Amino acid sequence: MTVSRSLAAYPAGRHALLVELSDAEHTAAFHTEVLRRRAAGSLPPVTEVVPGARTVLLDGVPDPEALARRVAEWQVPPVADDTGDVVEIPVRYDGPDLADVAALWGVGPGEVGARHASFTYRVAFCGFAPGFGYLTGLPAHLHVPRRSTPRTRVPAGAVALAGPYSAVYPRATPGGWQLIGTMPDPRPLWDPARERAALLTPGTRVRFVTADRMADGTSTGGTAADGASADVAAADGAGPGGATADGTAATGARPEAGA
């Protein structure tokens, strides 16, 4: 194990390194720095980079101990707000927990959607189900608890909140998050036939746009930066690990990030 003031790095088997960070902000910054150094050719060979809630797993590392010593010396800058692709998600703010969230926020139910859609989010990591991205960016004073009684079925396309995260359920599953809206067509969130099956991958920026604004022909789940359409084809408590770039569950996330 290698420990510095900002991180702890643990060999994970013979060819992987698990880096633990202090919070979500430092985790996002470290993940971004890993990708930057890999693109620049200044990182030893790494086959996969898997961010979690407060961890980043580097897999396929020839010498985890040597890499642990190197990352402990890195100067990691904060993530710039304008980095990463932007995906716009259409949403109708009609969720069954809208009134409960409004009460927690101290606003009327009609104001929840405007507040939620006023922020730009970032995919911190993926997990729970293929295509399920955990989105950070909601201010701390708007964080809400999970429901005391989880639902046995949350419909596909449900836009939800729990703790510091927002998310869109890519397919129907049980879940305990607060449901505030609906993505009319959630199929683009996970399309195995697409080269990048998951629409929401770590580092991607996300904006929620009311479905009425996108009824003029903008493609559901499109990339705002270039207008490209997506091919159409799925925080508290226990949960599974993080995910690889295509959304497949993998080790790396901390257990408090369930759905």
C-alpha atoms as a PDB file:
ATOM      1  CA  MET A   1       0.000   0.000   0.000  1.00  0.00           C
ATOM      2  CA  THR A   2       1.149   3.518  -0.852  1.00  0.00           C
ATOM      3  CA  VAL A   3      -0.382   6.476   0.993  1.00  0.00           C
ATOM      4  CA  SER A   4      -0.066  10.192   0.279  1.00  0.00           C
ATOM      5  CA  ARG A   5      -1.961  13.186   1.602  1.00  0.00           C
ATOM      6  CA  SER A   6      -4.630  12.883  -1.108  1.00  0.00           C
ATOM      7  CA  LEU A   7      -4.842   9.176  -1.932  1.00  0.00           C
ATOM      8  CA  ALA A   8      -4.096   5.603  -0.944  1.00  0.00           C
ATOM      9  CA  ALA A   9      -3.069   3.032  -3.560  1.00  0.00           C
ATOM     10  CA  TYR A  10      -3.438  -0.722  -3.083  1.00  0.00           C
ATOM     11  CA  PRO A  11      -2.267  -3.508  -5.406  1.00  0.00           C
ATOM     12  CA  ALA A  12      -5.329  -5.497  -6.469  1.00  0.00           C
ATOM     13  CA  GLY A  13      -4.052  -8.863  -7.551  1.00  0.00           C
ATOM     14  CA  ARG A  14      -0.938  -9.241  -9.690  1.00  0.00           C
ATOM     15  CA  HIS A  15      -1.741  -6.678 -12.383  1.00  0.00           C
ATOM     16  CA  ALA A  16      -4.138  -4.066 -11.011  1.00  0.00           C
ATOM     17  CA  LEU A  17      -3.976  -1.027  -8.759  1.00  0.00           C
ATOM     18  CA  LEU A  18      -6.886   0.343  -6.718  1.00  0.00           C
ATOM     19  CA  VAL A  19      -6.532   4.043  -5.895  1.00  0.00           C
ATOM     20  CA  GLU A  20      -8.735   5.388  -3.109  1.00  0.00           C
ATOM     21  CA  LEU A  21      -9.504   9.117  -2.994  1.00  0.00           C
ATOM     22  CA  SER A  22     -10.995  11.320  -0.289  1.00  0.00           C
ATOM     23  CA  ASP A  23     -14.201  12.339  -2.070  1.00  0.00           C
ATOM     24  CA  ALA A  24     -16.051  12.421  -5.385  1.00  0.00           C
ATOM     25  CA  GLU A  25     -14.379  15.644  -6.532  1.00  0.00           C
ATOM     26  CA  HIS A  26     -10.858  14.251  -6.070  1.00  0.00           C
ATOM     27  CA  THR A  27     -11.918  10.971  -7.679  1.00  0.00           C
ATOM     28  CA  ALA A  28     -13.172  12.745 -10.811  1.00  0.00           C
ATOM     29  CA  ALA A  29      -9.982  14.792 -10.988  1.00  0.00           C
ATOM     30  CA  PHE A  30      -7.757  11.732 -10.611  1.00  0.00           C
ATOM     31  CA  HIS A  31      -9.746   9.791 -13.231  1.00  0.00           C
ATOM     32  CA  THR A  32      -9.410  12.705 -15.661  1.00  0.00           C
ATOM     33  CA  GLU A  33      -5.665  12.927 -14.996  1.00  0.00           C
ATOM     34  CA  VAL A  34      -5.224   9.183 -15.636  1.00  0.00           C
ATOM     35  CA  LEU A  35      -6.978   9.498 -18.995  1.00  0.00           C
ATOM     36  CA  ARG A  36      -4.931  12.590 -19.886  1.00  0.00           C
ATOM     37  CA  ARG A  37      -1.634  10.882 -19.088  1.00  0.00           C
ATOM     38  CA  ARG A  38      -2.631   7.726 -20.944  1.00  0.00           C
ATOM     39  CA  ALA A  39      -3.565   9.767 -24.038  1.00  0.00           C
ATOM     40  CA  ALA A  40      -0.236  11.619 -23.788  1.00  0.00           C
ATOM     41  CA  GLY A  41       1.689   8.349 -23.571  1.00  0.00           C
ATOM     42  CA  SER A  42       3.125   9.145 -20.135  1.00  0.00           C
ATOM     43  CA  LEU A  43       1.296   6.364 -18.296  1.00  0.00           C
ATOM     44  CA  PRO A  44       2.513   2.749 -18.160  1.00  0.00           C
ATOM     45  CA  PRO A  45       0.316   0.323 -20.120  1.00  0.00           C
ATOM     46  CA  VAL A  46      -3.159   0.094 -18.561  1.00  0.00           C
ATOM     47  CA  THR A  47      -5.877  -1.994 -20.187  1.00  0.00           C
ATOM     48  CA  GLU A  48      -8.850  -0.597 -18.269  1.00  0.00           C
ATOM     49  CA  VAL A  49      -9.592   2.440 -16.113  1.00  0.00           C
ATOM     50  CA  VAL A  50     -12.661   1.953 -13.902  1.00  0.00           C
ATOM     51  CA  PRO A  51     -13.827   4.854 -11.714  1.00  0.00           C
ATOM     52  CA  GLY A  52     -16.045   4.298  -8.682  1.00  0.00           C
ATOM     53  CA  ALA A  53     -17.635   6.535  -6.063  1.00  0.00           C
ATOM     54  CA  ARG A  54     -14.284   7.230  -4.365  1.00  0.00           C
ATOM     55  CA  THR A  55     -11.923   4.846  -6.148  1.00  0.00           C
ATOM     56  CA  VAL A  56     -10.254   4.377  -9.524  1.00  0.00           C
ATOM     57  CA  LEU A  57      -9.176   0.877 -10.571  1.00  0.00           C
ATOM     58  CA  LEU A  58      -6.296   0.581 -13.029  1.00  0.00           C
ATOM     59  CA  ASP A  59      -6.254  -2.896 -14.558  1.00  0.00           C
ATOM     60  CA  GLY A  60      -3.632  -4.565 -16.702  1.00  0.00           C
ATOM     61  CA  VAL A  61      -0.738  -2.800 -14.927  1.00  0.00           C
ATOM     62  CA  PRO A  62       2.661  -4.505 -15.361  1.00  0.00           C
ATOM     63  CA  ASP A  63       4.024  -3.322 -11.981  1.00  0.00           C
ATOM     64  CA  PRO A  64       1.308  -2.097  -9.563  1.00  0.00           C
ATOM     65  CA  GLU A  65       3.792  -1.262  -6.786  1.00  0.00           C
ATOM     66  CA  ALA A  66       5.861   0.974  -9.066  1.00  0.00           C
ATOM     67  CA  LEU A  67       2.754   2.715 -10.398  1.00  0.00           C
ATOM     68  CA  ALA A  68       1.487   3.261  -6.839  1.00  0.00           C
ATOM     69  CA  ARG A  69       4.658   5.172  -6.007  1.00  0.00           C
ATOM     70  CA  ARG A  70       4.315   7.280  -9.151  1.00  0.00           C
ATOM     71  CA  VAL A  71       0.668   8.294  -8.692  1.00  0.00           C
ATOM     72  CA  ALA A  72       1.359   9.317  -5.090  1.00  0.00           C
ATOM     73  CA  GLU A  73       3.617  12.063  -6.482  1.00  0.00           C
ATOM     74  CA  TRP A  74       1.226  13.387  -9.106  1.00  0.00           C
ATOM     75  CA  GLN A  75      -0.051  16.959  -8.994  1.00  0.00           C
ATOM     76  CA  VAL A  76      -3.698  16.528  -9.995  1.00  0.00           C
ATOM     77  CA  PRO A  77      -5.612  19.665 -11.039  1.00  0.00           C
ATOM     78  CA  PRO A  78      -9.390  19.987 -10.557  1.00  0.00           C
ATOM     79  CA  VAL A  79     -11.630  18.975 -13.445  1.00  0.00           C
ATOM     80  CA  ALA A  80     -12.447  21.935 -15.667  1.00  0.00           C
ATOM     81  CA  ASP A  81     -16.183  22.541 -16.000  1.00  0.00           C
ATOM     82  CA  ASP A  82     -16.014  22.600 -19.801  1.00  0.00           C
ATOM     83  CA  THR A  83     -14.283  19.241 -20.324  1.00  0.00           C
ATOM     84  CA  GLY A  84     -16.073  16.161 -21.612  1.00  0.00           C
ATOM     85  CA  ASP A  85     -18.773  15.514 -24.200  1.00  0.00           C
ATOM     86  CA  VAL A  86     -22.265  16.863 -23.449  1.00  0.00           C
ATOM     87  CA  VAL A  87     -25.380  14.691 -23.677  1.00  0.00           C
ATOM     88  CA  GLU A  88     -28.867  16.183 -23.401  1.00  0.00           C
ATOM     89  CA  ILE A  89     -31.521  14.011 -21.766  1.00  0.00           C
ATOM     90  CA  PRO A  90     -35.181  14.900 -22.419  1.00  0.00           C
ATOM     91  CA  VAL A  91     -37.349  14.622 -19.312  1.00  0.00           C
ATOM     92  CA  ARG A  92     -40.923  15.168 -18.216  1.00  0.00           C
ATOM     93  CA  TYR A  93     -40.969  16.198 -14.558  1.00  0.00           C
ATOM     94  CA  ASP A  94     -43.917  14.008 -13.557  1.00  0.00           C
ATOM     95  CA  GLY A  95     -42.392  11.585 -11.021  1.00  0.00           C
ATOM     96  CA  PRO A  96     -44.379  10.139  -8.110  1.00  0.00           C
ATOM     97  CA  ASP A  97     -41.940  11.579  -5.532  1.00  0.00           C
ATOM     98  CA  LEU A  98     -42.054  15.119  -6.909  1.00  0.00           C
ATOM     99  CA  ALA A  99     -44.055  16.449  -3.940  1.00  0.00           C
ATOM    100  CA  ASP A 100     -41.752  14.783  -1.403  1.00  0.00           C
ATOM    101  CA  VAL A 101     -38.646  16.227  -3.050  1.00  0.00           C
ATOM    102  CA  ALA A 102     -40.305  19.635  -3.269  1.00  0.00           C
ATOM    103  CA  ALA A 103     -40.988  19.530   0.466  1.00  0.00           C
ATOM    104  CA  LEU A 104     -37.361  18.615   1.183  1.00  0.00           C
ATOM    105  CA  TRP A 105     -36.177  21.466  -1.039  1.00  0.00           C
ATOM    106  CA  GLY A 106     -38.659  23.944   0.410  1.00  0.00           C
ATOM    107  CA  VAL A 107     -40.232  24.753  -2.975  1.00  0.00           C
ATOM    108  CA  GLY A 108     -43.444  23.981  -4.818  1.00  0.00           C
ATOM    109  CA  PRO A 109     -43.641  20.754  -6.900  1.00  0.00           C
ATOM    110  CA  GLY A 110     -43.676  22.816 -10.074  1.00  0.00           C
ATOM    111  CA  GLU A 111     -40.268  24.292  -9.238  1.00  0.00           C
ATOM    112  CA  VAL A 112     -38.413  20.980  -8.826  1.00  0.00           C
ATOM    113  CA  GLY A 113     -37.951  20.411 -12.548  1.00  0.00           C
ATOM    114  CA  ALA A 114     -36.644  23.916 -13.200  1.00  0.00           C
ATOM    115  CA  ARG A 115     -34.107  23.597 -10.400  1.00  0.00           C
ATOM    116  CA  HIS A 116     -32.988  20.107 -11.403  1.00  0.00           C
ATOM    117  CA  ALA A 117     -32.600  21.090 -15.060  1.00  0.00           C
ATOM    118  CA  SER A 118     -30.645  24.255 -14.224  1.00  0.00           C
ATOM    119  CA  PHE A 119     -27.437  22.349 -13.442  1.00  0.00           C
ATOM    120  CA  THR A 120     -24.910  20.568 -15.655  1.00  0.00           C
ATOM    121  CA  TYR A 121     -24.079  17.110 -14.328  1.00  0.00           C
ATOM    122  CA  ARG A 122     -21.129  14.782 -14.880  1.00  0.00           C
ATOM    123  CA  VAL A 123     -21.090  10.985 -14.967  1.00  0.00           C
ATOM    124  CA  ALA A 124     -18.914  10.009 -12.007  1.00  0.00           C
ATOM    125  CA  PHE A 125     -19.097   6.251 -12.583  1.00  0.00           C
ATOM    126  CA  CYS A 126     -21.397   3.502 -13.837  1.00  0.00           C
ATOM    127  CA  GLY A 127     -22.851   0.469 -12.094  1.00  0.00           C
ATOM    128  CA  PHE A 128     -25.963  -1.246 -10.734  1.00  0.00           C
ATOM    129  CA  ALA A 129     -27.268  -2.048 -14.251  1.00  0.00           C
ATOM    130  CA  PRO A 130     -25.851  -1.702 -17.783  1.00  0.00           C
ATOM    131  CA  GLY A 131     -26.151   1.917 -18.830  1.00  0.00           C
ATOM    132  CA  PHE A 132     -26.828   3.255 -15.319  1.00  0.00           C
ATOM    133  CA  GLY A 133     -24.680   6.342 -14.724  1.00  0.00           C
ATOM    134  CA  TYR A 134     -24.253   8.063 -11.362  1.00  0.00           C
ATOM    135  CA  LEU A 135     -24.388  11.806 -12.067  1.00  0.00           C
ATOM    136  CA  THR A 136     -22.821  14.387  -9.773  1.00  0.00           C
ATOM    137  CA  GLY A 137     -23.430  18.127  -9.905  1.00  0.00           C
ATOM    138  CA  LEU A 138     -26.426  18.671  -7.641  1.00  0.00           C
ATOM    139  CA  PRO A 139     -25.522  21.196  -4.893  1.00  0.00           C
ATOM    140  CA  ALA A 140     -25.216  19.780  -1.382  1.00  0.00           C
ATOM    141  CA  HIS A 141     -28.280  21.622  -0.078  1.00  0.00           C
ATOM    142  CA  LEU A 142     -30.409  19.784  -2.669  1.00  0.00           C
ATOM    143  CA  HIS A 143     -29.229  16.282  -1.781  1.00  0.00           C
ATOM    144  CA  VAL A 144     -32.114  14.043  -0.714  1.00  0.00           C
ATOM    145  CA  PRO A 145     -32.236  10.681   1.090  1.00  0.00           C
ATOM    146  CA  ARG A 146     -33.294   7.436  -0.475  1.00  0.00           C
ATOM    147  CA  ARG A 147     -36.866   6.334   0.132  1.00  0.00           C
ATOM    148  CA  SER A 148     -37.377   4.547   3.434  1.00  0.00           C
ATOM    149  CA  THR A 149     -39.154   1.747   1.541  1.00  0.00           C
ATOM    150  CA  PRO A 150     -37.697   0.844  -1.864  1.00  0.00           C
ATOM    151  CA  ARG A 151     -40.013   0.092  -4.753  1.00  0.00           C
ATOM    152  CA  THR A 152     -40.100  -3.423  -6.139  1.00  0.00           C
ATOM    153  CA  ARG A 153     -40.216  -1.957  -9.654  1.00  0.00           C
ATOM    154  CA  VAL A 154     -38.918   1.349 -10.962  1.00  0.00           C
ATOM    155  CA  PRO A 155     -39.851   1.837 -14.633  1.00  0.00           C
ATOM    156  CA  ALA A 156     -37.280   2.315 -17.367  1.00  0.00           C
ATOM    157  CA  GLY A 157     -36.634   5.989 -18.000  1.00  0.00           C
ATOM    158  CA  ALA A 158     -37.312   7.103 -14.424  1.00  0.00           C
ATOM    159  CA  VAL A 159     -35.259  10.205 -13.542  1.00  0.00           C
ATOM    160  CA  ALA A 160     -34.215   9.846  -9.923  1.00  0.00           C
ATOM    161  CA  LEU A 161     -32.314  11.393  -7.016  1.00  0.00           C
ATOM    162  CA  ALA A 162     -30.497   9.871  -4.043  1.00  0.00           C
ATOM    163  CA  GLY A 163     -27.858  11.483  -1.874  1.00  0.00           C
ATOM    164  CA  PRO A 164     -25.480  13.470  -4.117  1.00  0.00           C
ATOM    165  CA  TYR A 165     -26.529  11.643  -7.295  1.00  0.00           C
ATOM    166  CA  SER A 166     -28.994  12.016 -10.140  1.00  0.00           C
ATOM    167  CA  ALA A 167     -29.636   9.119 -12.511  1.00  0.00           C
ATOM    168  CA  VAL A 168     -31.904   7.739 -15.215  1.00  0.00           C
ATOM    169  CA  TYR A 169     -32.950   4.091 -14.909  1.00  0.00           C
ATOM    170  CA  PRO A 170     -32.116   2.397 -18.239  1.00  0.00           C
ATOM    171  CA  ARG A 171     -34.482  -0.493 -17.581  1.00  0.00           C
ATOM    172  CA  ALA A 172     -37.106  -1.553 -15.076  1.00  0.00           C
ATOM    173  CA  THR A 173     -35.552  -2.728 -11.801  1.00  0.00           C
ATOM    174  CA  PRO A 174     -36.211  -2.501  -8.064  1.00  0.00           C
ATOM    175  CA  GLY A 175     -34.918   0.742  -6.586  1.00  0.00           C
ATOM    176  CA  GLY A 176     -35.071   3.108  -3.653  1.00  0.00           C
ATOM    177  CA  TRP A 177     -34.319   6.486  -5.231  1.00  0.00           C
ATOM    178  CA  GLN A 178     -36.694   9.462  -5.293  1.00  0.00           C
ATOM    179  CA  LEU A 179     -38.431   9.577  -8.685  1.00  0.00           C
ATOM    180  CA  ILE A 180     -38.944  13.079 -10.063  1.00  0.00           C
ATOM    181  CA  GLY A 181     -39.437  12.577 -13.796  1.00  0.00           C
ATOM    182  CA  THR A 182     -39.432  10.399 -16.886  1.00  0.00           C
ATOM    183  CA  MET A 183     -37.183  10.151 -19.933  1.00  0.00           C
ATOM    184  CA  PRO A 184     -39.780   9.420 -22.660  1.00  0.00           C
ATOM    185  CA  ASP A 185     -37.576   6.952 -24.560  1.00  0.00           C
ATOM    186  CA  PRO A 186     -34.773   5.453 -22.446  1.00  0.00           C
ATOM    187  CA  ARG A 187     -33.565   2.977 -25.077  1.00  0.00           C
ATOM    188  CA  PRO A 188     -30.515   5.063 -26.115  1.00  0.00           C
ATOM    189  CA  LEU A 189     -29.091   4.740 -22.587  1.00  0.00           C
ATOM    190  CA  TRP A 190     -27.943   1.195 -23.351  1.00  0.00           C
ATOM    191  CA  ASP A 191     -27.601  -0.204 -26.869  1.00  0.00           C
ATOM    192  CA  PRO A 192     -25.419  -3.345 -27.186  1.00  0.00           C
ATOM    193  CA  ALA A 193     -25.416  -2.935 -30.965  1.00  0.00           C
ATOM    194  CA  ARG A 194     -23.693   0.444 -30.686  1.00  0.00           C
ATOM    195  CA  GLU A 195     -19.884   0.627 -30.585  1.00  0.00           C
ATOM    196  CA  ARG A 196     -20.101   2.385 -27.217  1.00  0.00           C
ATOM    197  CA  ALA A 197     -23.092   0.604 -25.709  1.00  0.00           C
ATOM    198  CA  ALA A 198     -23.557   2.996 -22.782  1.00  0.00           C
ATOM    199  CA  LEU A 199     -24.639   6.525 -23.654  1.00  0.00           C
ATOM    200  CA  LEU A 200     -23.528   7.870 -20.268  1.00  0.00           C
ATOM    201  CA  THR A 201     -19.881   6.994 -19.635  1.00  0.00           C
ATOM    202  CA  PRO A 202     -17.597   8.374 -16.896  1.00  0.00           C
ATOM    203  CA  GLY A 203     -16.593  11.965 -17.538  1.00  0.00           C
ATOM    204  CA  THR A 204     -19.540  12.750 -19.830  1.00  0.00           C
ATOM    205  CA  ARG A 205     -21.425  15.946 -19.005  1.00  0.00           C
ATOM    206  CA  VAL A 206     -25.221  15.690 -18.886  1.00  0.00           C
ATOM    207  CA  ARG A 207     -27.940  18.289 -19.181  1.00  0.00           C
ATOM    208  CA  PHE A 208     -31.614  17.595 -18.542  1.00  0.00           C
ATOM    209  CA  VAL A 209     -33.955  19.354 -20.952  1.00  0.00           C
ATOM    210  CA  THR A 210     -37.737  19.369 -20.677  1.00  0.00           C
ATOM    211  CA  ALA A 211     -39.224  17.016 -23.266  1.00  0.00           C
ATOM    212  CA  ASP A 212     -41.317  19.829 -24.771  1.00  0.00           C
ATOM    213  CA  ARG A 213     -38.136  21.685 -25.731  1.00  0.00           C
ATOM    214  CA  MET A 214     -36.872  18.617 -27.581  1.00  0.00           C
ATOM    215  CA  ALA A 215     -40.116  17.938 -29.446  1.00  0.00           C
ATOM    216  CA  ASP A 216     -38.868  20.047 -32.370  1.00  0.00           C
ATOM    217  CA  GLY A 217     -36.786  17.230 -33.828  1.00  0.00           C
ATOM    218  CA  THR A 218     -33.775  17.085 -31.531  1.00  0.00           C
ATOM    219  CA  SER A 219     -32.831  13.423 -31.160  1.00  0.00           C
ATOM    220  CA  THR A 220     -33.474  11.731 -27.851  1.00  0.00           C
ATOM    221  CA  GLY A 221     -30.234  11.251 -25.976  1.00  0.00           C
ATOM    222  CA  GLY A 222     -28.282  13.247 -28.566  1.00  0.00           C
ATOM    223  CA  THR A 223     -24.836  14.716 -28.046  1.00  0.00           C
ATOM    224  CA  ALA A 224     -25.278  18.442 -27.656  1.00  0.00           C
ATOM    225  CA  ALA A 225     -21.735  19.282 -28.738  1.00  0.00           C
ATOM    226  CA  ASP A 226     -22.260  18.149 -32.318  1.00  0.00           C
ATOM    227  CA  GLY A 227     -25.988  17.443 -32.592  1.00  0.00           C
ATOM    228  CA  ALA A 228     -25.310  13.786 -33.337  1.00  0.00           C
ATOM    229  CA  SER A 229     -28.231  11.474 -32.695  1.00  0.00           C
ATOM    230  CA  ALA A 230     -27.931   8.380 -30.540  1.00  0.00           C
ATOM    231  CA  ASP A 231     -28.814   5.012 -31.989  1.00  0.00           C
ATOM    232  CA  VAL A 232     -32.116   3.777 -30.529  1.00  0.00           C
ATOM    233  CA  ALA A 233     -32.201   0.223 -28.974  1.00  0.00           C
ATOM    234  CA  ALA A 234     -31.525   0.141 -20.016  1.00  0.00           C
ATOM    235  CA  ALA A 235     -26.502   6.579  -2.876  1.00  0.00           C
ATOM    236  CA  ASP A 236     -26.986   5.231   0.117  1.00  0.00           C
ATOM    237  CA  GLY A 237     -27.308   1.535   0.977  1.00  0.00           C
ATOM    238  CA  ALA A 238     -25.619  -1.443  -0.591  1.00  0.00           C
ATOM    239  CA  GLY A 239     -24.868  -1.590  -4.289  1.00  0.00           C
ATOM    240  CA  PRO A 240     -22.567  -3.176  -6.861  1.00  0.00           C
ATOM    241  CA  GLY A 241     -19.222  -1.932  -8.140  1.00  0.00           C
ATOM    242  CA  GLY A 242     -18.290   0.477 -10.894  1.00  0.00           C
ATOM    243  CA  ALA A 243     -18.337  -0.258 -14.600  1.00  0.00           C
ATOM    244  CA  THR A 244     -16.106  -0.451 -17.615  1.00  0.00           C
ATOM    245  CA  ALA A 245     -16.524   2.033 -20.433  1.00  0.00           C
ATOM    246  CA  ASP A 246     -19.402   0.015 -21.907  1.00  0.00           C
ATOM    247  CA  GLY A 247     -21.286  -0.040 -18.629  1.00  0.00           C
ATOM    248  CA  THR A 248     -20.503  -3.606 -17.584  1.00  0.00           C
ATOM    249  CA  ALA A 249     -20.281  -3.944 -13.802  1.00  0.00           C
ATOM    250  CA  ALA A 250     -16.740  -4.185 -12.429  1.00  0.00           C
ATOM    251  CA  THR A 251     -14.760  -3.710  -9.231  1.00  0.00           C
ATOM    252  CA  GLY A 252     -13.910  -0.150  -8.294  1.00  0.00           C
ATOM    253  CA  ALA A 253     -17.006   1.538  -6.850  1.00  0.00           C
ATOM    254  CA  ARG A 254     -17.604   1.847  -3.148  1.00  0.00           C
ATOM    255  CA  PRO A 255     -20.632   0.010  -1.748  1.00  0.00           C
ATOM    256  CA  GLU A 256     -22.673   3.052  -0.734  1.00  0.00           C
ATOM    257  CA  ALA A 257     -23.710   3.805  -4.296  1.00  0.00           C
ATOM    258  CA  GLY A 258     -26.642   1.429  -4.852  1.00  0.00           C
ATOM    259  CA  ALA A 259     -29.897   2.271  -6.606  1.00  0.00           C
END
